[in-house]
């Protein structure tokens, strides 16, 4: 099945056959029913081992997104969702259907309250408002997979919250971070993003500079097959012994297990590189009195720069002693004493991060 914004097809990755769903551009079934979506998905997933959902979308029709989310949640196969650039608004709802939710380091995720344009009598408007409240309850239920409390989720939705991969992982929305990818989107996608509240301007500028042809879904058949994962070391026991011995010599024996858990240790060189990073991460965490976070950062496979950025954000937040908010207010409201809402402010973080780098 192929639509302007959606494609479903079987794909061979190494020896594994997967069912790939691609959601690129604004979400909207436009005559494609939820039933036909499930039928097409089942057809290509008949002998597949898992479903991969690749997303690069500014959002769209929330009820169409619900239909896709529910179909994926109910499917018998494991589901892996990925953000290839941005998953905003309704697209973030589909992202939450993944058993594993993956974001490249430079991708963005946005959650907010659904909105609608409507007209009618007072009773009809009240019915519409009740319908929107029920829709929000469903959205909150999906975001609850992050592990956050409903009150925090609603607070973030009210504030229109943008998250990069590190922020999304810290909030529980993303389960795995990958290396940065080349970002691109259609002209229509970028135009929609620019109208959304709080979108990071440098992220939109990057997309604007690398625009795809509008409305086209890339053909996976034309893309190179991913390279196989590096082989597992033949003598894992010897490698583990080396990690523990080197950790003791470096004075970071408490991080040995975290180094092994970080993965990607195909040999002695890789282990030494990860130990070097672990040593620097331990020093960074100690410098801000967060020694207990070092093992978590190392086990997650974060680089020294990623840890530095996280710790810097923590220090800046503590120094400012204010609650960050993505909620934009006009000049009139900014003079009131209304309380600030909680939630990460991507723009403030990016600005402070740039200042820190400079």
C-alpha atoms as a PDB file:
ATOM      1  CA  UNK A   1       0.000   0.000   0.000  1.00  0.00           C
ATOM      2  CA  UNK A   2       1.364   3.419  -0.877  1.00  0.00           C
ATOM      3  CA  UNK A   3      -0.082   6.819  -0.090  1.00  0.00           C
ATOM      4  CA  UNK A   4       1.370  10.271  -0.185  1.00  0.00           C
ATOM      5  CA  UNK A   5       2.368  10.107   3.470  1.00  0.00           C
ATOM      6  CA  UNK A   6       2.193   6.393   4.255  1.00  0.00           C
ATOM      7  CA  UNK A   7       3.700   3.158   2.966  1.00  0.00           C
ATOM      8  CA  UNK A   8       3.569  -0.422   4.225  1.00  0.00           C
ATOM      9  CA  UNK A   9       5.829  -3.106   2.760  1.00  0.00           C
ATOM     10  CA  UNK A  10       7.904  -6.152   3.577  1.00  0.00           C
ATOM     11  CA  UNK A  11      11.646  -5.608   3.904  1.00  0.00           C
ATOM     12  CA  UNK A  12      14.589  -7.944   4.259  1.00  0.00           C
ATOM     13  CA  UNK A  13      17.246  -6.876   6.781  1.00  0.00           C
ATOM     14  CA  UNK A  14      20.048  -9.416   6.724  1.00  0.00           C
ATOM     15  CA  UNK A  15      18.371 -12.744   7.423  1.00  0.00           C
ATOM     16  CA  UNK A  16      15.372 -11.122   9.082  1.00  0.00           C
ATOM     17  CA  UNK A  17      12.145 -10.216   7.329  1.00  0.00           C
ATOM     18  CA  UNK A  18      10.292  -7.247   8.812  1.00  0.00           C
ATOM     19  CA  UNK A  19       7.111  -5.336   8.030  1.00  0.00           C
ATOM     20  CA  UNK A  20       8.025  -1.681   7.583  1.00  0.00           C
ATOM     21  CA  UNK A  21       5.519   1.140   8.035  1.00  0.00           C
ATOM     22  CA  UNK A  22       6.731   4.566   6.906  1.00  0.00           C
ATOM     23  CA  UNK A  23       4.869   7.680   8.024  1.00  0.00           C
ATOM     24  CA  UNK A  24       6.345  10.689   6.273  1.00  0.00           C
ATOM     25  CA  UNK A  25       4.533  14.040   6.132  1.00  0.00           C
ATOM     26  CA  UNK A  26       1.164  15.060   7.588  1.00  0.00           C
ATOM     27  CA  UNK A  27      -1.014  12.238   8.930  1.00  0.00           C
ATOM     28  CA  UNK A  28      -4.437  11.754   7.342  1.00  0.00           C
ATOM     29  CA  UNK A  29      -6.129   8.646   5.985  1.00  0.00           C
ATOM     30  CA  UNK A  30      -7.947  10.489   3.176  1.00  0.00           C
ATOM     31  CA  UNK A  31     -10.201   7.536   2.386  1.00  0.00           C
ATOM     32  CA  UNK A  32      -7.926   4.818   3.805  1.00  0.00           C
ATOM     33  CA  UNK A  33      -9.898   3.214   6.607  1.00  0.00           C
ATOM     34  CA  UNK A  34      -8.461   1.816   9.801  1.00  0.00           C
ATOM     35  CA  UNK A  35      -9.706  -1.601   8.688  1.00  0.00           C
ATOM     36  CA  UNK A  36      -7.771  -1.442   5.403  1.00  0.00           C
ATOM     37  CA  UNK A  37      -4.652  -0.290   7.280  1.00  0.00           C
ATOM     38  CA  UNK A  38      -4.825  -3.369   9.523  1.00  0.00           C
ATOM     39  CA  UNK A  39      -5.462  -5.656   6.535  1.00  0.00           C
ATOM     40  CA  UNK A  40      -2.487  -4.259   4.590  1.00  0.00           C
ATOM     41  CA  UNK A  41      -0.259  -4.490   7.654  1.00  0.00           C
ATOM     42  CA  UNK A  42      -1.283  -8.084   8.315  1.00  0.00           C
ATOM     43  CA  UNK A  43      -0.619  -8.988   4.671  1.00  0.00           C
ATOM     44  CA  UNK A  44       3.030  -7.880   4.708  1.00  0.00           C
ATOM     45  CA  UNK A  45       3.584  -9.062   8.296  1.00  0.00           C
ATOM     46  CA  UNK A  46       2.424 -12.635   7.618  1.00  0.00           C
ATOM     47  CA  UNK A  47       5.922 -14.147   7.856  1.00  0.00           C
ATOM     48  CA  UNK A  48       7.752 -11.196   9.424  1.00  0.00           C
ATOM     49  CA  UNK A  49       9.494 -11.276  12.795  1.00  0.00           C
ATOM     50  CA  UNK A  50       8.691  -7.694  13.811  1.00  0.00           C
ATOM     51  CA  UNK A  51       7.179  -4.390  12.679  1.00  0.00           C
ATOM     52  CA  UNK A  52       9.349  -1.311  12.188  1.00  0.00           C
ATOM     53  CA  UNK A  53       7.584   2.064  12.082  1.00  0.00           C
ATOM     54  CA  UNK A  54       9.693   4.945  10.720  1.00  0.00           C
ATOM     55  CA  UNK A  55       8.270   8.406  11.460  1.00  0.00           C
ATOM     56  CA  UNK A  56       9.115  11.859  10.084  1.00  0.00           C
ATOM     57  CA  UNK A  57       5.922  13.853  10.506  1.00  0.00           C
ATOM     58  CA  UNK A  58       4.634  17.154  11.950  1.00  0.00           C
ATOM     59  CA  UNK A  59       1.449  15.407  13.095  1.00  0.00           C
ATOM     60  CA  UNK A  60      -2.039  15.561  11.627  1.00  0.00           C
ATOM     61  CA  UNK A  61      -5.403  13.980  12.340  1.00  0.00           C
ATOM     62  CA  UNK A  62      -5.349  12.680  15.913  1.00  0.00           C
ATOM     63  CA  UNK A  63      -8.107  10.121  15.285  1.00  0.00           C
ATOM     64  CA  UNK A  64      -6.205   8.635  12.334  1.00  0.00           C
ATOM     65  CA  UNK A  65      -3.137   8.513  14.590  1.00  0.00           C
ATOM     66  CA  UNK A  66      -5.218   6.707  17.231  1.00  0.00           C
ATOM     67  CA  UNK A  67      -6.267   4.121  14.652  1.00  0.00           C
ATOM     68  CA  UNK A  68      -2.632   3.414  13.743  1.00  0.00           C
ATOM     69  CA  UNK A  69      -1.540   3.411  17.401  1.00  0.00           C
ATOM     70  CA  UNK A  70      -4.266   0.929  18.388  1.00  0.00           C
ATOM     71  CA  UNK A  71      -3.524  -1.357  15.433  1.00  0.00           C
ATOM     72  CA  UNK A  72       0.152  -1.473  16.382  1.00  0.00           C
ATOM     73  CA  UNK A  73      -0.531  -1.977  20.100  1.00  0.00           C
ATOM     74  CA  UNK A  74      -2.847  -4.904  19.385  1.00  0.00           C
ATOM     75  CA  UNK A  75      -0.573  -6.600  16.849  1.00  0.00           C
ATOM     76  CA  UNK A  76       0.961  -9.923  17.862  1.00  0.00           C
ATOM     77  CA  UNK A  77       4.434  -8.991  16.528  1.00  0.00           C
ATOM     78  CA  UNK A  78       6.885  -6.821  18.485  1.00  0.00           C
ATOM     79  CA  UNK A  79       6.842  -3.207  17.297  1.00  0.00           C
ATOM     80  CA  UNK A  80       9.871  -0.935  16.943  1.00  0.00           C
ATOM     81  CA  UNK A  81       9.159   2.757  16.351  1.00  0.00           C
ATOM     82  CA  UNK A  82      11.801   5.195  15.110  1.00  0.00           C
ATOM     83  CA  UNK A  83      11.926   8.970  14.642  1.00  0.00           C
ATOM     84  CA  UNK A  84      13.769   9.711  11.405  1.00  0.00           C
ATOM     85  CA  UNK A  85      13.644  13.464  12.010  1.00  0.00           C
ATOM     86  CA  UNK A  86      10.619  14.713  13.913  1.00  0.00           C
ATOM     87  CA  UNK A  87       7.542  13.155  15.515  1.00  0.00           C
ATOM     88  CA  UNK A  88       5.313  16.044  16.553  1.00  0.00           C
ATOM     89  CA  UNK A  89       1.747  16.211  17.801  1.00  0.00           C
ATOM     90  CA  UNK A  90      -0.263  13.200  16.541  1.00  0.00           C
ATOM     91  CA  UNK A  91       2.918  11.568  15.197  1.00  0.00           C
ATOM     92  CA  UNK A  92       4.292  11.348  18.748  1.00  0.00           C
ATOM     93  CA  UNK A  93       1.218   9.309  19.663  1.00  0.00           C
ATOM     94  CA  UNK A  94       2.129   6.680  17.042  1.00  0.00           C
ATOM     95  CA  UNK A  95       5.737   6.714  18.281  1.00  0.00           C
ATOM     96  CA  UNK A  96       4.526   5.585  21.714  1.00  0.00           C
ATOM     97  CA  UNK A  97       3.152   2.333  20.230  1.00  0.00           C
ATOM     98  CA  UNK A  98       6.672   0.899  20.061  1.00  0.00           C
ATOM     99  CA  UNK A  99       7.859  -1.805  22.416  1.00  0.00           C
ATOM    100  CA  UNK A 100      11.221  -0.209  21.660  1.00  0.00           C
ATOM    101  CA  UNK A 101      11.222   3.502  20.829  1.00  0.00           C
ATOM    102  CA  UNK A 102      14.346   4.768  19.084  1.00  0.00           C
ATOM    103  CA  UNK A 103      15.508   8.329  18.388  1.00  0.00           C
ATOM    104  CA  UNK A 104      18.718   9.535  16.741  1.00  0.00           C
ATOM    105  CA  UNK A 105      20.511  12.069  18.887  1.00  0.00           C
ATOM    106  CA  UNK A 106      19.435  15.001  16.675  1.00  0.00           C
ATOM    107  CA  UNK A 107      15.752  14.013  16.265  1.00  0.00           C
ATOM    108  CA  UNK A 108      12.879  15.851  17.983  1.00  0.00           C
ATOM    109  CA  UNK A 109       9.667  14.783  19.720  1.00  0.00           C
ATOM    110  CA  UNK A 110       6.775  17.126  20.582  1.00  0.00           C
ATOM    111  CA  UNK A 111       3.642  16.599  22.658  1.00  0.00           C
ATOM    112  CA  UNK A 112       0.745  19.019  23.157  1.00  0.00           C
ATOM    113  CA  UNK A 113      -3.017  19.153  23.518  1.00  0.00           C
ATOM    114  CA  UNK A 114      -5.109  18.255  20.493  1.00  0.00           C
ATOM    115  CA  UNK A 115      -6.982  21.169  18.940  1.00  0.00           C
ATOM    116  CA  UNK A 116      -9.889  21.468  16.532  1.00  0.00           C
ATOM    117  CA  UNK A 117     -11.717  24.049  14.430  1.00  0.00           C
ATOM    118  CA  UNK A 118     -15.478  23.771  15.005  1.00  0.00           C
ATOM    119  CA  UNK A 119     -18.759  25.619  14.750  1.00  0.00           C
ATOM    120  CA  UNK A 120     -22.341  25.079  15.848  1.00  0.00           C
ATOM    121  CA  UNK A 121     -24.841  25.685  18.604  1.00  0.00           C
ATOM    122  CA  UNK A 122     -23.939  25.938  22.275  1.00  0.00           C
ATOM    123  CA  UNK A 123     -24.955  22.311  22.819  1.00  0.00           C
ATOM    124  CA  UNK A 124     -22.914  21.189  19.812  1.00  0.00           C
ATOM    125  CA  UNK A 125     -19.870  23.092  21.067  1.00  0.00           C
ATOM    126  CA  UNK A 126     -20.254  21.517  24.509  1.00  0.00           C
ATOM    127  CA  UNK A 127     -20.403  18.079  22.887  1.00  0.00           C
ATOM    128  CA  UNK A 128     -17.263  18.895  20.904  1.00  0.00           C
ATOM    129  CA  UNK A 129     -15.473  19.983  24.091  1.00  0.00           C
ATOM    130  CA  UNK A 130     -16.450  16.720  25.792  1.00  0.00           C
ATOM    131  CA  UNK A 131     -15.171  14.777  22.783  1.00  0.00           C
ATOM    132  CA  UNK A 132     -11.855  16.632  22.965  1.00  0.00           C
ATOM    133  CA  UNK A 133     -11.576  15.852  26.686  1.00  0.00           C
ATOM    134  CA  UNK A 134     -12.036  12.152  25.894  1.00  0.00           C
ATOM    135  CA  UNK A 135      -9.433  12.405  23.140  1.00  0.00           C
ATOM    136  CA  UNK A 136      -6.991  13.924  25.642  1.00  0.00           C
ATOM    137  CA  UNK A 137      -7.650  11.051  28.044  1.00  0.00           C
ATOM    138  CA  UNK A 138      -6.699   8.628  25.263  1.00  0.00           C
ATOM    139  CA  UNK A 139      -3.544  10.583  24.437  1.00  0.00           C
ATOM    140  CA  UNK A 140      -2.522  10.655  28.096  1.00  0.00           C
ATOM    141  CA  UNK A 141      -3.057   6.893  28.230  1.00  0.00           C
ATOM    142  CA  UNK A 142      -0.607   6.435  25.342  1.00  0.00           C
ATOM    143  CA  UNK A 143       1.994   8.792  26.841  1.00  0.00           C
ATOM    144  CA  UNK A 144       1.633   6.892  30.127  1.00  0.00           C
ATOM    145  CA  UNK A 145       3.922   4.275  28.556  1.00  0.00           C
ATOM    146  CA  UNK A 146       6.732   6.708  29.416  1.00  0.00           C
ATOM    147  CA  UNK A 147       6.221   5.897  33.095  1.00  0.00           C
ATOM    148  CA  UNK A 148       5.315   9.498  33.966  1.00  0.00           C
ATOM    149  CA  UNK A 149       2.351  10.356  36.185  1.00  0.00           C
ATOM    150  CA  UNK A 150      -0.769  11.675  34.467  1.00  0.00           C
ATOM    151  CA  UNK A 151      -0.374  15.069  36.148  1.00  0.00           C
ATOM    152  CA  UNK A 152       3.115  15.506  34.680  1.00  0.00           C
ATOM    153  CA  UNK A 153       1.996  14.374  31.218  1.00  0.00           C
ATOM    154  CA  UNK A 154      -0.911  16.842  31.208  1.00  0.00           C
ATOM    155  CA  UNK A 155       1.422  19.590  32.398  1.00  0.00           C
ATOM    156  CA  UNK A 156       3.803  18.883  29.501  1.00  0.00           C
ATOM    157  CA  UNK A 157       0.924  18.755  27.005  1.00  0.00           C
ATOM    158  CA  UNK A 158      -0.452  22.069  28.271  1.00  0.00           C
ATOM    159  CA  UNK A 159       2.993  23.615  27.814  1.00  0.00           C
ATOM    160  CA  UNK A 160       3.576  22.211  24.265  1.00  0.00           C
ATOM    161  CA  UNK A 161       6.823  20.417  25.108  1.00  0.00           C
ATOM    162  CA  UNK A 162       9.615  19.815  22.575  1.00  0.00           C
ATOM    163  CA  UNK A 163      12.233  17.190  23.454  1.00  0.00           C
ATOM    164  CA  UNK A 164      15.459  16.162  21.791  1.00  0.00           C
ATOM    165  CA  UNK A 165      16.527  12.531  22.125  1.00  0.00           C
ATOM    166  CA  UNK A 166      18.327  12.995  25.450  1.00  0.00           C
ATOM    167  CA  UNK A 167      15.383  14.813  26.976  1.00  0.00           C
ATOM    168  CA  UNK A 168      12.909  12.273  25.594  1.00  0.00           C
ATOM    169  CA  UNK A 169      14.964   9.423  27.053  1.00  0.00           C
ATOM    170  CA  UNK A 170      15.228  11.112  30.444  1.00  0.00           C
ATOM    171  CA  UNK A 171      11.426  11.524  30.460  1.00  0.00           C
ATOM    172  CA  UNK A 172      10.843   7.888  29.454  1.00  0.00           C
ATOM    173  CA  UNK A 173       9.388   8.577  25.995  1.00  0.00           C
ATOM    174  CA  UNK A 174      12.454   7.213  24.173  1.00  0.00           C
ATOM    175  CA  UNK A 175      14.071   3.903  25.114  1.00  0.00           C
ATOM    176  CA  UNK A 176      17.193   4.009  22.917  1.00  0.00           C
ATOM    177  CA  UNK A 177      19.323   6.785  21.407  1.00  0.00           C
ATOM    178  CA  UNK A 178      21.274   6.289  18.178  1.00  0.00           C
ATOM    179  CA  UNK A 179      23.910   8.329  16.365  1.00  0.00           C
ATOM    180  CA  UNK A 180      22.726  11.525  14.599  1.00  0.00           C
ATOM    181  CA  UNK A 181      21.222  11.177  11.124  1.00  0.00           C
ATOM    182  CA  UNK A 182      20.909  13.527   8.147  1.00  0.00           C
ATOM    183  CA  UNK A 183      17.676  15.437   8.727  1.00  0.00           C
ATOM    184  CA  UNK A 184      15.245  16.209   5.917  1.00  0.00           C
ATOM    185  CA  UNK A 185      11.525  16.854   5.482  1.00  0.00           C
ATOM    186  CA  UNK A 186       9.112  17.937   2.782  1.00  0.00           C
ATOM    187  CA  UNK A 187       8.318  21.613   2.267  1.00  0.00           C
ATOM    188  CA  UNK A 188       4.782  21.028   3.581  1.00  0.00           C
ATOM    189  CA  UNK A 189       6.146  19.358   6.720  1.00  0.00           C
ATOM    190  CA  UNK A 190       8.503  22.244   7.469  1.00  0.00           C
ATOM    191  CA  UNK A 191       5.748  24.808   6.843  1.00  0.00           C
ATOM    192  CA  UNK A 192       3.532  23.060   9.405  1.00  0.00           C
ATOM    193  CA  UNK A 193       6.348  22.823  11.949  1.00  0.00           C
ATOM    194  CA  UNK A 194       7.028  26.548  11.681  1.00  0.00           C
ATOM    195  CA  UNK A 195       3.445  27.253  12.757  1.00  0.00           C
ATOM    196  CA  UNK A 196       3.671  25.074  15.859  1.00  0.00           C
ATOM    197  CA  UNK A 197       4.289  26.637  19.248  1.00  0.00           C
ATOM    198  CA  UNK A 198       7.793  26.539  20.684  1.00  0.00           C
ATOM    199  CA  UNK A 199       9.519  24.714  17.813  1.00  0.00           C
ATOM    200  CA  UNK A 200      13.333  25.165  18.070  1.00  0.00           C
ATOM    201  CA  UNK A 201      14.317  27.585  15.299  1.00  0.00           C
ATOM    202  CA  UNK A 202      17.682  25.921  14.622  1.00  0.00           C
ATOM    203  CA  UNK A 203      15.939  22.564  14.108  1.00  0.00           C
ATOM    204  CA  UNK A 204      13.549  24.064  11.543  1.00  0.00           C
ATOM    205  CA  UNK A 205      16.460  25.830   9.825  1.00  0.00           C
ATOM    206  CA  UNK A 206      18.245  22.498   9.452  1.00  0.00           C
ATOM    207  CA  UNK A 207      15.153  20.929   7.904  1.00  0.00           C
ATOM    208  CA  UNK A 208      14.595  23.937   5.671  1.00  0.00           C
ATOM    209  CA  UNK A 209      18.109  23.588   4.321  1.00  0.00           C
ATOM    210  CA  UNK A 210      17.607  19.915   3.364  1.00  0.00           C
ATOM    211  CA  UNK A 211      14.066  19.728   1.968  1.00  0.00           C
ATOM    212  CA  UNK A 212      12.868  16.580   0.199  1.00  0.00           C
ATOM    213  CA  UNK A 213      10.434  16.648  -2.697  1.00  0.00           C
ATOM    214  CA  UNK A 214       7.020  17.413  -1.125  1.00  0.00           C
ATOM    215  CA  UNK A 215       4.760  14.508  -0.345  1.00  0.00           C
ATOM    216  CA  UNK A 216       7.055  11.705  -1.496  1.00  0.00           C
ATOM    217  CA  UNK A 217       7.725   8.640   0.620  1.00  0.00           C
ATOM    218  CA  UNK A 218      11.306   7.420   0.076  1.00  0.00           C
ATOM    219  CA  UNK A 219      11.558   3.992  -1.542  1.00  0.00           C
ATOM    220  CA  UNK A 220      13.289   1.609   0.891  1.00  0.00           C
ATOM    221  CA  UNK A 221      14.352  -0.561  -2.070  1.00  0.00           C
ATOM    222  CA  UNK A 222      16.684   2.199  -3.208  1.00  0.00           C
ATOM    223  CA  UNK A 223      18.380   2.506   0.160  1.00  0.00           C
ATOM    224  CA  UNK A 224      21.500   0.522   1.086  1.00  0.00           C
ATOM    225  CA  UNK A 225      20.964  -2.375   3.417  1.00  0.00           C
ATOM    226  CA  UNK A 226      22.135  -1.684   6.985  1.00  0.00           C
ATOM    227  CA  UNK A 227      25.490  -3.188   7.888  1.00  0.00           C
ATOM    228  CA  UNK A 228      25.384  -6.209  10.206  1.00  0.00           C
ATOM    229  CA  UNK A 229      26.248  -5.687  13.840  1.00  0.00           C
ATOM    230  CA  UNK A 230      29.867  -6.332  14.819  1.00  0.00           C
ATOM    231  CA  UNK A 231      30.540  -9.910  15.927  1.00  0.00           C
ATOM    232  CA  UNK A 232      30.432 -10.824  19.572  1.00  0.00           C
ATOM    233  CA  UNK A 233      33.934 -11.305  21.008  1.00  0.00           C
ATOM    234  CA  UNK A 234      34.992 -14.952  20.981  1.00  0.00           C
ATOM    235  CA  UNK A 235      36.261 -14.825  24.533  1.00  0.00           C
ATOM    236  CA  UNK A 236      33.759 -12.659  26.395  1.00  0.00           C
ATOM    237  CA  UNK A 237      35.099 -13.877  29.747  1.00  0.00           C
ATOM    238  CA  UNK A 238      38.600 -12.592  29.017  1.00  0.00           C
ATOM    239  CA  UNK A 239      37.204  -9.245  27.898  1.00  0.00           C
ATOM    240  CA  UNK A 240      35.166  -8.933  31.088  1.00  0.00           C
ATOM    241  CA  UNK A 241      38.240  -9.758  33.170  1.00  0.00           C
ATOM    242  CA  UNK A 242      40.163  -7.051  31.331  1.00  0.00           C
ATOM    243  CA  UNK A 243      37.428  -4.486  32.015  1.00  0.00           C
ATOM    244  CA  UNK A 244      37.355  -5.287  35.735  1.00  0.00           C
ATOM    245  CA  UNK A 245      41.171  -5.195  35.998  1.00  0.00           C
ATOM    246  CA  UNK A 246      41.465  -1.895  34.107  1.00  0.00           C
ATOM    247  CA  UNK A 247      38.623  -0.391  36.145  1.00  0.00           C
ATOM    248  CA  UNK A 248      40.482  -1.153  39.379  1.00  0.00           C
ATOM    249  CA  UNK A 249      43.704   0.363  38.015  1.00  0.00           C
ATOM    250  CA  UNK A 250      41.875   3.519  36.957  1.00  0.00           C
ATOM    251  CA  UNK A 251      40.071   3.839  40.294  1.00  0.00           C
ATOM    252  CA  UNK A 252      36.614   3.345  38.777  1.00  0.00           C
ATOM    253  CA  UNK A 253      35.912  -0.238  39.824  1.00  0.00           C
ATOM    254  CA  UNK A 254      32.326   0.782  40.628  1.00  0.00           C
ATOM    255  CA  UNK A 255      31.791   1.385  36.884  1.00  0.00           C
ATOM    256  CA  UNK A 256      33.094  -1.932  35.555  1.00  0.00           C
ATOM    257  CA  UNK A 257      29.681  -3.526  35.335  1.00  0.00           C
ATOM    258  CA  UNK A 258      28.244  -0.394  33.687  1.00  0.00           C
ATOM    259  CA  UNK A 259      30.994  -0.511  31.027  1.00  0.00           C
ATOM    260  CA  UNK A 260      30.067  -4.109  30.201  1.00  0.00           C
ATOM    261  CA  UNK A 261      26.380  -3.235  30.080  1.00  0.00           C
ATOM    262  CA  UNK A 262      26.987  -0.336  27.687  1.00  0.00           C
ATOM    263  CA  UNK A 263      27.374  -2.782  24.781  1.00  0.00           C
ATOM    264  CA  UNK A 264      29.400  -2.520  21.585  1.00  0.00           C
ATOM    265  CA  UNK A 265      32.545  -4.002  23.156  1.00  0.00           C
ATOM    266  CA  UNK A 266      33.790  -6.034  20.208  1.00  0.00           C
ATOM    267  CA  UNK A 267      37.354  -6.246  21.481  1.00  0.00           C
ATOM    268  CA  UNK A 268      40.098  -4.816  23.682  1.00  0.00           C
ATOM    269  CA  UNK A 269      40.313  -1.504  21.802  1.00  0.00           C
ATOM    270  CA  UNK A 270      36.582  -0.858  22.155  1.00  0.00           C
ATOM    271  CA  UNK A 271      36.725  -1.758  25.853  1.00  0.00           C
ATOM    272  CA  UNK A 272      39.653   0.633  26.455  1.00  0.00           C
ATOM    273  CA  UNK A 273      37.827   3.435  24.652  1.00  0.00           C
ATOM    274  CA  UNK A 274      34.754   2.894  26.802  1.00  0.00           C
ATOM    275  CA  UNK A 275      36.880   2.800  29.961  1.00  0.00           C
ATOM    276  CA  UNK A 276      38.478   6.117  28.946  1.00  0.00           C
ATOM    277  CA  UNK A 277      35.010   7.608  28.570  1.00  0.00           C
ATOM    278  CA  UNK A 278      33.855   6.090  31.875  1.00  0.00           C
ATOM    279  CA  UNK A 279      36.819   7.621  33.675  1.00  0.00           C
ATOM    280  CA  UNK A 280      36.003  11.077  32.299  1.00  0.00           C
ATOM    281  CA  UNK A 281      32.294  10.649  33.073  1.00  0.00           C
ATOM    282  CA  UNK A 282      33.123   9.731  36.682  1.00  0.00           C
ATOM    283  CA  UNK A 283      35.197  12.906  37.007  1.00  0.00           C
ATOM    284  CA  UNK A 284      32.439  15.054  35.506  1.00  0.00           C
ATOM    285  CA  UNK A 285      29.779  13.619  37.811  1.00  0.00           C
ATOM    286  CA  UNK A 286      31.991  14.047  40.867  1.00  0.00           C
ATOM    287  CA  UNK A 287      32.592  17.696  39.955  1.00  0.00           C
ATOM    288  CA  UNK A 288      28.883  18.454  40.386  1.00  0.00           C
ATOM    289  CA  UNK A 289      28.337  16.028  43.277  1.00  0.00           C
ATOM    290  CA  UNK A 290      26.286  13.566  41.211  1.00  0.00           C
ATOM    291  CA  UNK A 291      28.571  10.549  41.562  1.00  0.00           C
ATOM    292  CA  UNK A 292      25.602   8.184  41.730  1.00  0.00           C
ATOM    293  CA  UNK A 293      24.607   9.114  38.153  1.00  0.00           C
ATOM    294  CA  UNK A 294      27.902   7.985  36.582  1.00  0.00           C
ATOM    295  CA  UNK A 295      26.997   4.285  36.375  1.00  0.00           C
ATOM    296  CA  UNK A 296      23.646   5.131  34.770  1.00  0.00           C
ATOM    297  CA  UNK A 297      25.286   7.325  32.121  1.00  0.00           C
ATOM    298  CA  UNK A 298      27.999   4.766  31.338  1.00  0.00           C
ATOM    299  CA  UNK A 299      25.554   1.842  31.100  1.00  0.00           C
ATOM    300  CA  UNK A 300      23.394   3.883  28.697  1.00  0.00           C
ATOM    301  CA  UNK A 301      26.391   4.233  26.380  1.00  0.00           C
ATOM    302  CA  UNK A 302      26.397   8.044  26.511  1.00  0.00           C
ATOM    303  CA  UNK A 303      29.460   9.875  25.237  1.00  0.00           C
ATOM    304  CA  UNK A 304      31.446  12.277  27.397  1.00  0.00           C
ATOM    305  CA  UNK A 305      29.950  15.235  25.529  1.00  0.00           C
ATOM    306  CA  UNK A 306      26.419  13.940  26.035  1.00  0.00           C
ATOM    307  CA  UNK A 307      27.039  13.585  29.757  1.00  0.00           C
ATOM    308  CA  UNK A 308      28.652  17.009  29.897  1.00  0.00           C
ATOM    309  CA  UNK A 309      25.543  18.505  28.274  1.00  0.00           C
ATOM    310  CA  UNK A 310      23.208  16.745  30.707  1.00  0.00           C
ATOM    311  CA  UNK A 311      25.182  17.841  33.741  1.00  0.00           C
ATOM    312  CA  UNK A 312      25.444  21.386  32.444  1.00  0.00           C
ATOM    313  CA  UNK A 313      21.659  21.540  32.027  1.00  0.00           C
ATOM    314  CA  UNK A 314      21.267  20.261  35.590  1.00  0.00           C
ATOM    315  CA  UNK A 315      23.657  22.856  36.970  1.00  0.00           C
ATOM    316  CA  UNK A 316      22.062  25.704  35.029  1.00  0.00           C
ATOM    317  CA  UNK A 317      18.599  24.629  36.130  1.00  0.00           C
ATOM    318  CA  UNK A 318      19.657  24.477  39.776  1.00  0.00           C
ATOM    319  CA  UNK A 319      21.436  27.836  39.554  1.00  0.00           C
ATOM    320  CA  UNK A 320      18.492  29.591  37.956  1.00  0.00           C
ATOM    321  CA  UNK A 321      16.104  28.190  40.608  1.00  0.00           C
ATOM    322  CA  UNK A 322      13.189  28.636  38.236  1.00  0.00           C
ATOM    323  CA  UNK A 323      10.748  26.272  36.603  1.00  0.00           C
ATOM    324  CA  UNK A 324      11.253  26.041  32.846  1.00  0.00           C
ATOM    325  CA  UNK A 325       8.264  26.233  30.508  1.00  0.00           C
ATOM    326  CA  UNK A 326       7.706  25.930  26.797  1.00  0.00           C
ATOM    327  CA  UNK A 327       4.433  27.794  27.094  1.00  0.00           C
ATOM    328  CA  UNK A 328       4.575  31.002  25.081  1.00  0.00           C
ATOM    329  CA  UNK A 329       2.683  33.960  26.492  1.00  0.00           C
ATOM    330  CA  UNK A 330       1.838  37.257  24.890  1.00  0.00           C
ATOM    331  CA  UNK A 331       3.014  40.540  26.379  1.00  0.00           C
ATOM    332  CA  UNK A 332      -0.220  41.163  28.261  1.00  0.00           C
ATOM    333  CA  UNK A 333      -0.183  37.791  30.004  1.00  0.00           C
ATOM    334  CA  UNK A 334       3.529  37.960  30.722  1.00  0.00           C
ATOM    335  CA  UNK A 335       2.864  40.819  33.162  1.00  0.00           C
ATOM    336  CA  UNK A 336       0.465  38.778  35.295  1.00  0.00           C
ATOM    337  CA  UNK A 337       1.328  36.713  38.335  1.00  0.00           C
ATOM    338  CA  UNK A 338       0.151  33.448  36.772  1.00  0.00           C
ATOM    339  CA  UNK A 339       2.285  30.517  37.993  1.00  0.00           C
ATOM    340  CA  UNK A 340       4.902  29.035  35.669  1.00  0.00           C
ATOM    341  CA  UNK A 341       4.298  25.546  34.327  1.00  0.00           C
ATOM    342  CA  UNK A 342       6.836  22.783  34.642  1.00  0.00           C
ATOM    343  CA  UNK A 343       8.412  21.012  31.672  1.00  0.00           C
ATOM    344  CA  UNK A 344      11.678  21.098  29.702  1.00  0.00           C
ATOM    345  CA  UNK A 345      12.287  24.204  27.570  1.00  0.00           C
ATOM    346  CA  UNK A 346      14.170  23.044  24.499  1.00  0.00           C
ATOM    347  CA  UNK A 347      14.953  26.552  23.271  1.00  0.00           C
ATOM    348  CA  UNK A 348      16.425  27.630  26.602  1.00  0.00           C
ATOM    349  CA  UNK A 349      18.494  24.454  26.792  1.00  0.00           C
ATOM    350  CA  UNK A 350      19.812  24.878  23.253  1.00  0.00           C
ATOM    351  CA  UNK A 351      20.714  28.547  23.916  1.00  0.00           C
ATOM    352  CA  UNK A 352      22.517  27.744  27.155  1.00  0.00           C
ATOM    353  CA  UNK A 353      24.215  24.756  25.572  1.00  0.00           C
ATOM    354  CA  UNK A 354      25.525  26.951  22.740  1.00  0.00           C
ATOM    355  CA  UNK A 355      26.725  29.585  25.184  1.00  0.00           C
ATOM    356  CA  UNK A 356      28.483  26.911  27.213  1.00  0.00           C
ATOM    357  CA  UNK A 357      30.184  25.490  24.101  1.00  0.00           C
ATOM    358  CA  UNK A 358      31.327  28.955  23.019  1.00  0.00           C
END
